[in-house]
Amino acid sequence: MKRYIIAADAARARIFTQEKNGDVQEIDSLVHTESREHPGDLRTGGSGGVDDSAGQGIRQSDKSVTTMQNESLVFAKEVAEYMRKARTQNQTDSFIVFSAPKFLGDLREKLDSVTRGMIVKTVDKDVSKDSEQQIAEKLRNI
């Protein structure tokens, strides 16, 4: 059976398989466009930057951060569901997860215990933009 490699950040997750011979091939990709939006666009539907809803022209700060954290959790849940489905459909027998540190924490929070138990290695580094060859090289070094 194949091992799944998850390379993710808060906006994109790429799924690779690793064969017994070490070859890596990208098989799927998940994109969460809301995580790429400006925080003001997510909350207000506007162009971001200034929250005029109170009529005070207050700069977004804490609310923007909270909005982005919420979007990260939404996407983490989507990635966790993808992993759970791969597990329950017997598509993989283990996972290696590369992820930006903050998103890795969000993902761990959303994983069920059985799927979490199938993770053989986590690496708190964002490699979501790396090529298949670069991912394969990183796997050889862990």
N, C-alpha and C. Protein backbone atom coordinates (compact mmCIF):
# COMPACT_ATOMS: atom_id res chain seq x y z
N MET A 1 0.84 -1.19 0.00
CA MET A 1 0.00 0.00 0.00
C MET A 1 0.89 1.25 0.00
N LYS A 2 0.36 2.34 -0.44
CA LYS A 2 1.10 3.58 -0.59
C LYS A 2 1.06 4.41 0.69
N ARG A 3 2.11 5.17 0.88
CA ARG A 3 2.16 6.17 1.94
C ARG A 3 1.75 7.50 1.33
N TYR A 4 0.93 8.26 2.05
CA TYR A 4 0.54 9.58 1.60
C TYR A 4 1.42 10.62 2.27
N ILE A 5 1.87 11.57 1.47
CA ILE A 5 2.64 12.70 1.95
C ILE A 5 1.74 13.92 1.80
N ILE A 6 1.52 14.63 2.89
CA ILE A 6 0.70 15.84 2.88
C ILE A 6 1.66 17.03 3.04
N ALA A 7 1.61 17.94 2.08
CA ALA A 7 2.42 19.17 2.14
C ALA A 7 1.43 20.33 2.15
N ALA A 8 1.32 21.00 3.31
CA ALA A 8 0.22 21.96 3.46
C ALA A 8 0.64 23.25 4.14
N ASP A 9 -0.10 24.30 3.78
CA ASP A 9 -0.11 25.53 4.55
C ASP A 9 -1.59 25.90 4.72
N ALA A 10 -1.89 27.07 5.20
CA ALA A 10 -3.28 27.43 5.51
C ALA A 10 -4.14 27.65 4.27
N ALA A 11 -3.54 27.66 3.07
CA ALA A 11 -4.31 27.93 1.86
C ALA A 11 -4.27 26.79 0.85
N ARG A 12 -3.32 25.87 0.99
CA ARG A 12 -3.15 24.83 -0.02
C ARG A 12 -2.59 23.57 0.61
N ALA A 13 -3.11 22.44 0.18
CA ALA A 13 -2.56 21.15 0.59
C ALA A 13 -2.34 20.32 -0.66
N ARG A 14 -1.13 19.84 -0.81
CA ARG A 14 -0.82 18.95 -1.92
C ARG A 14 -0.64 17.55 -1.35
N ILE A 15 -1.18 16.56 -2.05
CA ILE A 15 -1.11 15.19 -1.59
C ILE A 15 -0.26 14.41 -2.59
N PHE A 16 0.73 13.74 -2.04
CA PHE A 16 1.64 12.92 -2.82
C PHE A 16 1.56 11.48 -2.34
N THR A 17 1.95 10.56 -3.20
CA THR A 17 2.14 9.18 -2.76
C THR A 17 3.63 8.90 -2.80
N GLN A 18 4.04 8.01 -1.92
CA GLN A 18 5.43 7.55 -1.94
C GLN A 18 5.40 6.04 -2.08
N GLU A 19 5.99 5.58 -3.15
CA GLU A 19 6.07 4.14 -3.40
C GLU A 19 7.20 3.54 -2.57
N LYS A 20 7.22 2.24 -2.48
CA LYS A 20 8.27 1.56 -1.70
C LYS A 20 9.67 1.88 -2.20
N ASN A 21 9.80 2.17 -3.50
CA ASN A 21 11.12 2.49 -4.06
C ASN A 21 11.52 3.95 -3.79
N GLY A 22 10.65 4.72 -3.13
CA GLY A 22 10.96 6.11 -2.78
C GLY A 22 10.43 7.13 -3.75
N ASP A 23 9.91 6.69 -4.91
CA ASP A 23 9.35 7.63 -5.87
C ASP A 23 8.17 8.38 -5.27
N VAL A 24 8.07 9.66 -5.61
CA VAL A 24 7.00 10.52 -5.11
C VAL A 24 6.22 11.05 -6.31
N GLN A 25 4.89 11.00 -6.19
CA GLN A 25 4.04 11.52 -7.26
C GLN A 25 2.88 12.28 -6.65
N GLU A 26 2.62 13.48 -7.17
CA GLU A 26 1.48 14.26 -6.70
C GLU A 26 0.19 13.66 -7.25
N ILE A 27 -0.78 13.41 -6.37
CA ILE A 27 -2.03 12.80 -6.81
C ILE A 27 -3.24 13.71 -6.62
N ASP A 28 -3.13 14.72 -5.79
CA ASP A 28 -4.28 15.56 -5.52
C ASP A 28 -3.83 16.88 -4.92
N SER A 29 -4.74 17.84 -4.93
CA SER A 29 -4.46 19.16 -4.36
C SER A 29 -5.76 19.73 -3.82
N LEU A 30 -5.69 20.33 -2.66
CA LEU A 30 -6.83 21.03 -2.07
C LEU A 30 -6.44 22.50 -1.95
N VAL A 31 -7.36 23.38 -2.29
CA VAL A 31 -7.09 24.81 -2.22
C VAL A 31 -8.21 25.47 -1.44
N HIS A 32 -7.82 26.32 -0.50
CA HIS A 32 -8.78 27.07 0.30
C HIS A 32 -8.58 28.54 -0.04
N THR A 33 -9.32 29.02 -1.03
CA THR A 33 -9.11 30.38 -1.53
C THR A 33 -9.35 31.44 -0.48
N GLU A 34 -10.24 31.17 0.48
CA GLU A 34 -10.53 32.16 1.52
C GLU A 34 -9.29 32.49 2.34
N SER A 35 -8.37 31.54 2.48
CA SER A 35 -7.15 31.80 3.24
C SER A 35 -6.19 32.71 2.49
N ARG A 36 -6.42 32.87 1.20
CA ARG A 36 -5.56 33.76 0.41
C ARG A 36 -6.13 35.16 0.32
N GLU A 37 -7.36 35.35 0.76
CA GLU A 37 -8.02 36.66 0.71
C GLU A 37 -7.44 37.57 1.77
N HIS A 38 -7.62 38.86 1.55
CA HIS A 38 -7.28 39.85 2.57
C HIS A 38 -8.32 39.71 3.69
N PRO A 39 -7.93 39.76 4.95
CA PRO A 39 -8.89 39.57 6.05
C PRO A 39 -10.11 40.46 5.97
N GLY A 40 -9.97 41.69 5.53
CA GLY A 40 -11.12 42.59 5.42
C GLY A 40 -12.11 42.12 4.37
N ASP A 41 -11.62 41.50 3.32
CA ASP A 41 -12.51 40.98 2.29
C ASP A 41 -13.34 39.83 2.84
N LEU A 42 -12.76 39.03 3.73
CA LEU A 42 -13.48 37.90 4.30
C LEU A 42 -14.61 38.35 5.21
N ARG A 43 -14.34 39.37 6.03
CA ARG A 43 -15.33 39.81 7.02
C ARG A 43 -16.40 40.70 6.42
N THR A 44 -16.00 41.57 5.51
CA THR A 44 -16.93 42.59 5.08
C THR A 44 -17.37 42.45 3.64
N GLY A 45 -16.64 41.65 2.87
CA GLY A 45 -16.92 41.57 1.45
C GLY A 45 -16.38 42.78 0.70
N GLY A 46 -15.67 43.64 1.38
CA GLY A 46 -15.13 44.85 0.78
C GLY A 46 -13.70 44.67 0.34
N SER A 47 -13.01 45.77 0.20
CA SER A 47 -11.64 45.73 -0.29
C SER A 47 -10.63 45.64 0.83
N GLY A 48 -11.07 45.54 2.07
CA GLY A 48 -10.15 45.33 3.18
C GLY A 48 -9.51 46.61 3.67
N GLY A 49 -8.71 46.46 4.72
CA GLY A 49 -7.95 47.59 5.24
C GLY A 49 -8.66 48.36 6.32
N VAL A 50 -9.85 48.86 6.06
CA VAL A 50 -10.56 49.68 7.03
C VAL A 50 -11.95 49.10 7.24
N ASP A 51 -12.36 48.99 8.48
CA ASP A 51 -13.70 48.51 8.82
C ASP A 51 -14.57 49.72 9.11
N ASP A 52 -15.43 50.07 8.15
CA ASP A 52 -16.29 51.24 8.29
C ASP A 52 -17.65 50.90 8.89
N SER A 53 -17.84 49.67 9.33
CA SER A 53 -19.16 49.25 9.81
C SER A 53 -19.59 50.04 11.04
N ALA A 54 -18.66 50.51 11.83
CA ALA A 54 -19.01 51.29 13.03
C ALA A 54 -18.99 52.78 12.73
N GLY A 55 -18.62 53.14 11.50
CA GLY A 55 -18.59 54.55 11.13
C GLY A 55 -17.39 55.28 11.69
N GLN A 56 -16.45 54.56 12.27
CA GLN A 56 -15.30 55.19 12.91
C GLN A 56 -14.03 55.06 12.08
N GLY A 57 -14.06 54.24 11.01
CA GLY A 57 -12.85 54.06 10.21
C GLY A 57 -11.75 53.37 11.00
N ILE A 58 -12.09 52.43 11.84
CA ILE A 58 -11.12 51.74 12.70
C ILE A 58 -10.36 50.71 11.87
N ARG A 59 -9.06 50.68 12.02
CA ARG A 59 -8.24 49.68 11.33
C ARG A 59 -8.53 48.30 11.88
N GLN A 60 -8.54 47.31 10.97
CA GLN A 60 -8.73 45.92 11.40
C GLN A 60 -7.44 45.44 12.02
N SER A 61 -7.58 44.71 13.11
CA SER A 61 -6.40 44.12 13.71
C SER A 61 -6.78 42.79 14.32
N ASP A 62 -7.25 42.79 15.56
CA ASP A 62 -7.59 41.56 16.24
C ASP A 62 -8.66 40.77 15.50
N LYS A 63 -9.66 41.45 14.96
CA LYS A 63 -10.72 40.75 14.23
C LYS A 63 -10.17 40.12 12.96
N SER A 64 -9.23 40.79 12.30
CA SER A 64 -8.63 40.23 11.10
C SER A 64 -7.85 38.97 11.41
N VAL A 65 -7.09 39.00 12.49
CA VAL A 65 -6.32 37.83 12.89
C VAL A 65 -7.26 36.69 13.21
N THR A 66 -8.33 36.97 13.94
CA THR A 66 -9.31 35.94 14.29
C THR A 66 -9.94 35.36 13.04
N THR A 67 -10.26 36.20 12.07
CA THR A 67 -10.85 35.72 10.82
C THR A 67 -9.90 34.77 10.11
N MET A 68 -8.64 35.14 10.03
CA MET A 68 -7.66 34.28 9.36
C MET A 68 -7.47 32.98 10.14
N GLN A 69 -7.48 33.03 11.46
CA GLN A 69 -7.36 31.82 12.27
C GLN A 69 -8.55 30.91 12.00
N ASN A 70 -9.74 31.48 11.92
CA ASN A 70 -10.94 30.69 11.64
C ASN A 70 -10.84 30.03 10.28
N GLU A 71 -10.36 30.75 9.27
CA GLU A 71 -10.21 30.17 7.94
C GLU A 71 -9.18 29.04 7.95
N SER A 72 -8.12 29.20 8.72
CA SER A 72 -7.13 28.14 8.85
C SER A 72 -7.75 26.89 9.46
N LEU A 73 -8.58 27.07 10.48
CA LEU A 73 -9.25 25.92 11.11
C LEU A 73 -10.24 25.25 10.15
N VAL A 74 -10.94 26.05 9.36
CA VAL A 74 -11.87 25.49 8.37
C VAL A 74 -11.10 24.62 7.38
N PHE A 75 -9.98 25.12 6.89
CA PHE A 75 -9.19 24.36 5.93
C PHE A 75 -8.55 23.14 6.60
N ALA A 76 -8.10 23.28 7.83
CA ALA A 76 -7.53 22.14 8.56
C ALA A 76 -8.56 21.03 8.67
N LYS A 77 -9.79 21.39 8.91
CA LYS A 77 -10.86 20.39 8.99
C LYS A 77 -11.05 19.69 7.65
N GLU A 78 -10.96 20.45 6.56
CA GLU A 78 -11.09 19.87 5.22
C GLU A 78 -9.94 18.89 4.93
N VAL A 79 -8.73 19.27 5.28
CA VAL A 79 -7.58 18.39 5.07
C VAL A 79 -7.69 17.14 5.95
N ALA A 80 -8.10 17.33 7.20
CA ALA A 80 -8.28 16.20 8.12
C ALA A 80 -9.33 15.23 7.58
N GLU A 81 -10.39 15.77 7.01
CA GLU A 81 -11.45 14.91 6.43
C GLU A 81 -10.91 14.15 5.23
N TYR A 82 -10.09 14.78 4.41
CA TYR A 82 -9.47 14.11 3.27
C TYR A 82 -8.61 12.94 3.76
N MET A 83 -7.83 13.20 4.80
CA MET A 83 -6.97 12.15 5.35
C MET A 83 -7.80 11.01 5.95
N ARG A 84 -8.86 11.36 6.67
CA ARG A 84 -9.74 10.33 7.25
C ARG A 84 -10.35 9.47 6.16
N LYS A 85 -10.80 10.11 5.10
CA LYS A 85 -11.40 9.38 3.99
C LYS A 85 -10.38 8.46 3.32
N ALA A 86 -9.17 8.92 3.12
CA ALA A 86 -8.12 8.07 2.54
C ALA A 86 -7.87 6.86 3.43
N ARG A 87 -7.89 7.08 4.74
CA ARG A 87 -7.69 5.98 5.69
C ARG A 87 -8.84 4.99 5.63
N THR A 88 -10.07 5.48 5.70
CA THR A 88 -11.23 4.59 5.77
C THR A 88 -11.49 3.87 4.44
N GLN A 89 -11.00 4.42 3.35
CA GLN A 89 -11.15 3.77 2.05
C GLN A 89 -9.92 2.93 1.70
N ASN A 90 -9.05 2.73 2.69
CA ASN A 90 -7.86 1.89 2.54
C ASN A 90 -6.98 2.31 1.36
N GLN A 91 -6.84 3.61 1.16
CA GLN A 91 -6.00 4.13 0.09
C GLN A 91 -4.55 4.29 0.54
N THR A 92 -4.33 4.30 1.84
CA THR A 92 -2.99 4.48 2.39
C THR A 92 -2.88 3.75 3.72
N ASP A 93 -1.66 3.46 4.10
CA ASP A 93 -1.45 2.83 5.41
C ASP A 93 -0.70 3.73 6.37
N SER A 94 -0.22 4.90 5.86
CA SER A 94 0.46 5.85 6.75
C SER A 94 0.55 7.21 6.07
N PHE A 95 0.86 8.20 6.90
CA PHE A 95 1.00 9.58 6.43
C PHE A 95 2.31 10.17 6.94
N ILE A 96 2.88 11.05 6.13
CA ILE A 96 3.92 11.97 6.57
C ILE A 96 3.36 13.35 6.27
N VAL A 97 3.44 14.25 7.24
CA VAL A 97 2.86 15.58 7.07
C VAL A 97 3.95 16.64 7.19
N PHE A 98 4.09 17.43 6.13
CA PHE A 98 4.92 18.63 6.13
C PHE A 98 3.96 19.80 6.19
N SER A 99 4.16 20.70 7.13
CA SER A 99 3.23 21.82 7.22
C SER A 99 3.87 22.99 7.93
N ALA A 100 3.41 24.18 7.55
CA ALA A 100 3.77 25.37 8.30
C ALA A 100 3.37 25.14 9.76
N PRO A 101 4.20 25.55 10.72
CA PRO A 101 3.95 25.21 12.12
C PRO A 101 2.56 25.54 12.64
N LYS A 102 2.04 26.72 12.35
CA LYS A 102 0.72 27.09 12.84
C LYS A 102 -0.36 26.19 12.26
N PHE A 103 -0.29 25.93 10.96
CA PHE A 103 -1.29 25.08 10.34
C PHE A 103 -1.17 23.63 10.82
N LEU A 104 0.03 23.19 11.10
CA LEU A 104 0.22 21.84 11.63
C LEU A 104 -0.53 21.68 12.95
N GLY A 105 -0.47 22.68 13.80
CA GLY A 105 -1.23 22.65 15.05
C GLY A 105 -2.72 22.61 14.81
N ASP A 106 -3.20 23.40 13.86
CA ASP A 106 -4.62 23.39 13.52
C ASP A 106 -5.04 22.03 12.98
N LEU A 107 -4.21 21.44 12.14
CA LEU A 107 -4.52 20.14 11.56
C LEU A 107 -4.57 19.06 12.64
N ARG A 108 -3.60 19.06 13.52
CA ARG A 108 -3.60 18.07 14.61
C ARG A 108 -4.89 18.15 15.43
N GLU A 109 -5.36 19.38 15.64
CA GLU A 109 -6.57 19.60 16.42
C GLU A 109 -7.80 18.98 15.73
N LYS A 110 -7.79 18.95 14.40
CA LYS A 110 -8.96 18.48 13.64
C LYS A 110 -8.91 16.99 13.28
N LEU A 111 -7.77 16.34 13.44
CA LEU A 111 -7.65 14.93 13.09
C LEU A 111 -8.31 14.03 14.13
N ASP A 112 -8.98 12.97 13.66
CA ASP A 112 -9.48 11.98 14.60
C ASP A 112 -8.30 11.14 15.09
N SER A 113 -8.46 10.45 16.20
CA SER A 113 -7.35 9.76 16.85
C SER A 113 -6.78 8.63 16.00
N VAL A 114 -7.62 7.92 15.26
CA VAL A 114 -7.12 6.81 14.43
C VAL A 114 -6.25 7.35 13.29
N THR A 115 -6.72 8.38 12.61
CA THR A 115 -5.94 8.98 11.53
C THR A 115 -4.66 9.58 12.08
N ARG A 116 -4.75 10.27 13.20
CA ARG A 116 -3.56 10.86 13.83
C ARG A 116 -2.53 9.77 14.14
N GLY A 117 -3.01 8.58 14.54
CA GLY A 117 -2.12 7.47 14.84
C GLY A 117 -1.41 6.89 13.62
N MET A 118 -1.92 7.20 12.43
CA MET A 118 -1.29 6.71 11.20
C MET A 118 -0.19 7.65 10.69
N ILE A 119 -0.01 8.78 11.36
CA ILE A 119 1.05 9.71 10.96
C ILE A 119 2.36 9.20 11.54
N VAL A 120 3.29 8.86 10.65
CA VAL A 120 4.57 8.32 11.09
C VAL A 120 5.61 9.41 11.30
N LYS A 121 5.38 10.58 10.70
CA LYS A 121 6.33 11.68 10.86
C LYS A 121 5.64 12.99 10.53
N THR A 122 5.90 14.01 11.33
CA THR A 122 5.47 15.37 11.01
C THR A 122 6.72 16.25 10.94
N VAL A 123 6.72 17.15 10.01
CA VAL A 123 7.82 18.10 9.85
C VAL A 123 7.20 19.48 9.80
N ASP A 124 7.56 20.33 10.77
CA ASP A 124 6.96 21.67 10.84
C ASP A 124 7.69 22.64 9.92
N LYS A 125 7.51 22.37 8.62
CA LYS A 125 8.11 23.21 7.59
C LYS A 125 7.16 23.23 6.40
N ASP A 126 6.96 24.42 5.85
CA ASP A 126 6.08 24.56 4.69
C ASP A 126 6.86 24.21 3.42
N VAL A 127 6.49 23.09 2.81
CA VAL A 127 7.09 22.67 1.54
C VAL A 127 6.02 22.57 0.45
N SER A 128 4.90 23.25 0.67
CA SER A 128 3.76 23.12 -0.24
C SER A 128 4.03 23.62 -1.65
N LYS A 129 5.07 24.40 -1.83
CA LYS A 129 5.40 24.91 -3.16
C LYS A 129 6.57 24.14 -3.80
N ASP A 130 7.12 23.17 -3.09
CA ASP A 130 8.26 22.40 -3.59
C ASP A 130 7.82 21.43 -4.69
N SER A 131 8.78 21.06 -5.54
CA SER A 131 8.52 20.09 -6.61
C SER A 131 8.50 18.67 -6.05
N GLU A 132 8.05 17.72 -6.86
CA GLU A 132 8.05 16.32 -6.46
C GLU A 132 9.47 15.88 -6.10
N GLN A 133 10.45 16.31 -6.90
CA GLN A 133 11.83 15.93 -6.65
C GLN A 133 12.34 16.50 -5.32
N GLN A 134 11.98 17.74 -5.04
CA GLN A 134 12.40 18.35 -3.77
C GLN A 134 11.75 17.63 -2.58
N ILE A 135 10.48 17.27 -2.72
CA ILE A 135 9.79 16.53 -1.65
C ILE A 135 10.48 15.17 -1.46
N ALA A 136 10.77 14.47 -2.55
CA ALA A 136 11.44 13.16 -2.47
C ALA A 136 12.78 13.28 -1.76
N GLU A 137 13.52 14.34 -2.06
CA GLU A 137 14.83 14.55 -1.41
C GLU A 137 14.65 14.80 0.09
N LYS A 138 13.66 15.58 0.46
CA LYS A 138 13.41 15.84 1.88
C LYS A 138 13.02 14.54 2.59
N LEU A 139 12.27 13.68 1.92
CA LEU A 139 11.88 12.40 2.53
C LEU A 139 13.10 11.50 2.75
N ARG A 140 14.05 11.56 1.85
CA ARG A 140 15.27 10.75 2.02
C ARG A 140 16.08 11.21 3.24
N ASN A 141 15.92 12.49 3.59
CA ASN A 141 16.70 13.06 4.70
C ASN A 141 16.01 12.97 6.06
N ILE A 142 14.83 12.35 6.11
CA ILE A 142 14.15 12.23 7.41
C ILE A 142 14.06 10.78 7.84
